[in-house]
Amino acid sequence: MDLQRAWLGGHLSQDQKIRLVREIAGYIDQLRSLEPPQKEIVGSASLEAGLDYRIGFFPFGPFYGHEEFIASFGKVSLWRTPLKYLAKRLPTAIPKLFCPRRSLPAKYHHR
């Protein structure tokens, strides 16, 4: 049985759910503590073009600063992505800077 079915199907106690969320929060903390190979670059882990389907369906970058990324994101995505979807995607377009769901793991991690 996968985690989604166990979670939604009532197969996990509240304590088990809390332990799982804390474990996942620990993984997120570890990922956030990793030092990038070079500061301020937005791209892949190998410092090459990145591919993030939340932004578009084509490789982008690398960008040598967040300002360059944000400026290029606006230019690139306007012609690749319909405008009605941009508003939904823009807040999560910069996952490197923050996790939009940060509060959920933090809520359980610090109990």
C-alpha atoms as a PDB file:
ATOM      1  CA  MET A   1       0.000   0.000   0.000  1.00  0.00           C
ATOM      2  CA  ASP A   2       1.356   3.433  -0.877  1.00  0.00           C
ATOM      3  CA  LEU A   3       1.544   6.329   1.565  1.00  0.00           C
ATOM      4  CA  GLN A   4      -1.362   8.239   0.022  1.00  0.00           C
ATOM      5  CA  ARG A   5      -3.749   5.327   0.455  1.00  0.00           C
ATOM      6  CA  ALA A   6      -2.518   4.601   3.960  1.00  0.00           C
ATOM      7  CA  TRP A   7      -2.851   8.263   4.961  1.00  0.00           C
ATOM      8  CA  LEU A   8      -6.267   8.900   3.437  1.00  0.00           C
ATOM      9  CA  GLY A   9      -7.638   5.437   4.159  1.00  0.00           C
ATOM     10  CA  GLY A  10      -7.356   5.728   7.917  1.00  0.00           C
ATOM     11  CA  HIS A  11      -4.524   3.181   8.209  1.00  0.00           C
ATOM     12  CA  LEU A  12      -2.222   5.563  10.090  1.00  0.00           C
ATOM     13  CA  SER A  13      -2.694   6.920  13.587  1.00  0.00           C
ATOM     14  CA  GLN A  14      -2.287  10.626  14.298  1.00  0.00           C
ATOM     15  CA  ASP A  15       1.091   9.897  15.923  1.00  0.00           C
ATOM     16  CA  GLN A  16       2.267   8.006  12.830  1.00  0.00           C
ATOM     17  CA  LYS A  17       1.226  10.902  10.613  1.00  0.00           C
ATOM     18  CA  ILE A  18       3.086  13.367  12.817  1.00  0.00           C
ATOM     19  CA  ARG A  19       6.230  11.190  12.758  1.00  0.00           C
ATOM     20  CA  LEU A  20       6.036  10.947   8.951  1.00  0.00           C
ATOM     21  CA  VAL A  21       5.668  14.700   8.524  1.00  0.00           C
ATOM     22  CA  ARG A  22       8.583  15.285  10.926  1.00  0.00           C
ATOM     23  CA  GLU A  23      10.724  12.854   8.947  1.00  0.00           C
ATOM     24  CA  ILE A  24       9.890  14.595   5.672  1.00  0.00           C
ATOM     25  CA  ALA A  25      10.549  17.983   7.322  1.00  0.00           C
ATOM     26  CA  GLY A  26      13.981  16.657   8.299  1.00  0.00           C
ATOM     27  CA  TYR A  27      14.705  15.776   4.662  1.00  0.00           C
ATOM     28  CA  ILE A  28      13.608  19.253   3.594  1.00  0.00           C
ATOM     29  CA  ASP A  29      15.891  20.803   6.228  1.00  0.00           C
ATOM     30  CA  GLN A  30      18.803  18.713   4.922  1.00  0.00           C
ATOM     31  CA  LEU A  31      18.125  19.828   1.347  1.00  0.00           C
ATOM     32  CA  ARG A  32      17.929  23.468   2.411  1.00  0.00           C
ATOM     33  CA  SER A  33      21.249  23.194   4.230  1.00  0.00           C
ATOM     34  CA  LEU A  34      23.126  21.996   1.136  1.00  0.00           C
ATOM     35  CA  GLU A  35      25.570  24.544  -0.189  1.00  0.00           C
ATOM     36  CA  PRO A  36      25.135  25.287  -3.901  1.00  0.00           C
ATOM     37  CA  PRO A  37      28.179  24.672  -6.122  1.00  0.00           C
ATOM     38  CA  GLN A  38      28.166  28.397  -6.904  1.00  0.00           C
ATOM     39  CA  LYS A  39      26.181  31.157  -5.166  1.00  0.00           C
ATOM     40  CA  GLU A  40      23.347  33.030  -6.879  1.00  0.00           C
ATOM     41  CA  ILE A  41      23.116  30.746  -9.944  1.00  0.00           C
ATOM     42  CA  VAL A  42      19.669  29.596 -11.019  1.00  0.00           C
ATOM     43  CA  GLY A  43      19.920  26.445 -13.105  1.00  0.00           C
ATOM     44  CA  SER A  44      20.566  22.754 -12.726  1.00  0.00           C
ATOM     45  CA  ALA A  45      22.739  21.168 -10.046  1.00  0.00           C
ATOM     46  CA  SER A  46      25.461  20.778 -12.692  1.00  0.00           C
ATOM     47  CA  LEU A  47      25.339  24.558 -13.377  1.00  0.00           C
ATOM     48  CA  GLU A  48      23.768  23.997 -16.784  1.00  0.00           C
ATOM     49  CA  ALA A  49      20.296  24.774 -18.116  1.00  0.00           C
ATOM     50  CA  GLY A  50      17.483  23.782 -15.775  1.00  0.00           C
ATOM     51  CA  LEU A  51      14.142  22.187 -16.560  1.00  0.00           C
ATOM     52  CA  ASP A  52      11.166  22.874 -14.317  1.00  0.00           C
ATOM     53  CA  TYR A  53       7.727  22.080 -15.706  1.00  0.00           C
ATOM     54  CA  ARG A  54       6.153  24.617 -13.356  1.00  0.00           C
ATOM     55  CA  ILE A  55       7.864  27.272 -15.480  1.00  0.00           C
ATOM     56  CA  GLY A  56       7.668  25.753 -18.957  1.00  0.00           C
ATOM     57  CA  PHE A  57       8.516  22.781 -21.109  1.00  0.00           C
ATOM     58  CA  PHE A  58      11.932  23.883 -22.333  1.00  0.00           C
ATOM     59  CA  PRO A  59      15.324  24.108 -20.599  1.00  0.00           C
ATOM     60  CA  PHE A  60      16.230  27.556 -19.254  1.00  0.00           C
ATOM     61  CA  GLY A  61      19.352  29.271 -17.985  1.00  0.00           C
ATOM     62  CA  PRO A  62      21.631  29.049 -16.266  1.00  0.00           C
ATOM     63  CA  PHE A  63      21.179  32.545 -14.884  1.00  0.00           C
ATOM     64  CA  TYR A  64      23.986  34.218 -12.972  1.00  0.00           C
ATOM     65  CA  GLY A  65      21.767  36.095 -10.554  1.00  0.00           C
ATOM     66  CA  HIS A  66      18.197  36.048  -9.323  1.00  0.00           C
ATOM     67  CA  GLU A  67      17.447  39.371 -11.021  1.00  0.00           C
ATOM     68  CA  GLU A  68      18.526  37.935 -14.390  1.00  0.00           C
ATOM     69  CA  PHE A  69      16.355  34.870 -13.781  1.00  0.00           C
ATOM     70  CA  ILE A  70      13.289  36.910 -12.882  1.00  0.00           C
ATOM     71  CA  ALA A  71      13.766  39.248 -15.868  1.00  0.00           C
ATOM     72  CA  SER A  72      14.248  36.335 -18.281  1.00  0.00           C
ATOM     73  CA  PHE A  73      11.415  34.336 -16.756  1.00  0.00           C
ATOM     74  CA  GLY A  74       8.978  37.085 -17.656  1.00  0.00           C
ATOM     75  CA  LYS A  75      10.251  37.279 -21.248  1.00  0.00           C
ATOM     76  CA  VAL A  76      10.533  33.528 -21.796  1.00  0.00           C
ATOM     77  CA  SER A  77       7.295  32.425 -20.205  1.00  0.00           C
ATOM     78  CA  LEU A  78       5.093  35.058 -21.767  1.00  0.00           C
ATOM     79  CA  TRP A  79       5.470  33.422 -25.144  1.00  0.00           C
ATOM     80  CA  ARG A  80       5.677  29.825 -23.929  1.00  0.00           C
ATOM     81  CA  THR A  81       2.883  29.783 -21.374  1.00  0.00           C
ATOM     82  CA  PRO A  82      -0.669  31.125 -21.756  1.00  0.00           C
ATOM     83  CA  LEU A  83      -1.192  34.208 -19.602  1.00  0.00           C
ATOM     84  CA  LYS A  84      -4.049  32.674 -17.628  1.00  0.00           C
ATOM     85  CA  TYR A  85      -1.627  30.036 -16.278  1.00  0.00           C
ATOM     86  CA  LEU A  86       1.183  32.459 -15.472  1.00  0.00           C
ATOM     87  CA  ALA A  87      -0.659  33.968 -12.525  1.00  0.00           C
ATOM     88  CA  LYS A  88      -1.028  30.521 -10.973  1.00  0.00           C
ATOM     89  CA  ARG A  89       2.582  29.511 -11.614  1.00  0.00           C
ATOM     90  CA  LEU A  90       4.446  32.690 -10.783  1.00  0.00           C
ATOM     91  CA  PRO A  91       4.370  32.354  -6.972  1.00  0.00           C
ATOM     92  CA  THR A  92       6.026  28.904  -7.166  1.00  0.00           C
ATOM     93  CA  ALA A  93       8.411  29.781  -9.979  1.00  0.00           C
ATOM     94  CA  ILE A  94      11.304  30.378  -7.595  1.00  0.00           C
ATOM     95  CA  PRO A  95      11.453  27.180  -5.520  1.00  0.00           C
ATOM     96  CA  LYS A  96      15.131  27.761  -4.787  1.00  0.00           C
ATOM     97  CA  LEU A  97      14.330  30.790  -2.640  1.00  0.00           C
ATOM     98  CA  PHE A  98      11.534  29.360  -0.522  1.00  0.00           C
ATOM     99  CA  CYS A  99       9.216  26.418  -0.125  1.00  0.00           C
ATOM    100  CA  PRO A 100       5.603  27.603  -0.489  1.00  0.00           C
ATOM    101  CA  ARG A 101       4.502  24.810   1.838  1.00  0.00           C
ATOM    102  CA  ARG A 102       7.219  25.521   4.401  1.00  0.00           C
ATOM    103  CA  SER A 103       4.719  26.073   7.219  1.00  0.00           C
ATOM    104  CA  LEU A 104       3.237  22.563   7.065  1.00  0.00           C
ATOM    105  CA  PRO A 105       6.429  20.585   7.797  1.00  0.00           C
ATOM    106  CA  ALA A 106       7.589  23.274  10.223  1.00  0.00           C
ATOM    107  CA  LYS A 107       4.335  22.972  12.169  1.00  0.00           C
ATOM    108  CA  TYR A 108       4.966  19.301  12.897  1.00  0.00           C
ATOM    109  CA  HIS A 109       8.759  19.414  12.954  1.00  0.00           C
ATOM    110  CA  HIS A 110       8.904  21.804  15.907  1.00  0.00           C
ATOM    111  CA  ARG A 111       6.284  20.118  18.107  1.00  0.00           C
END
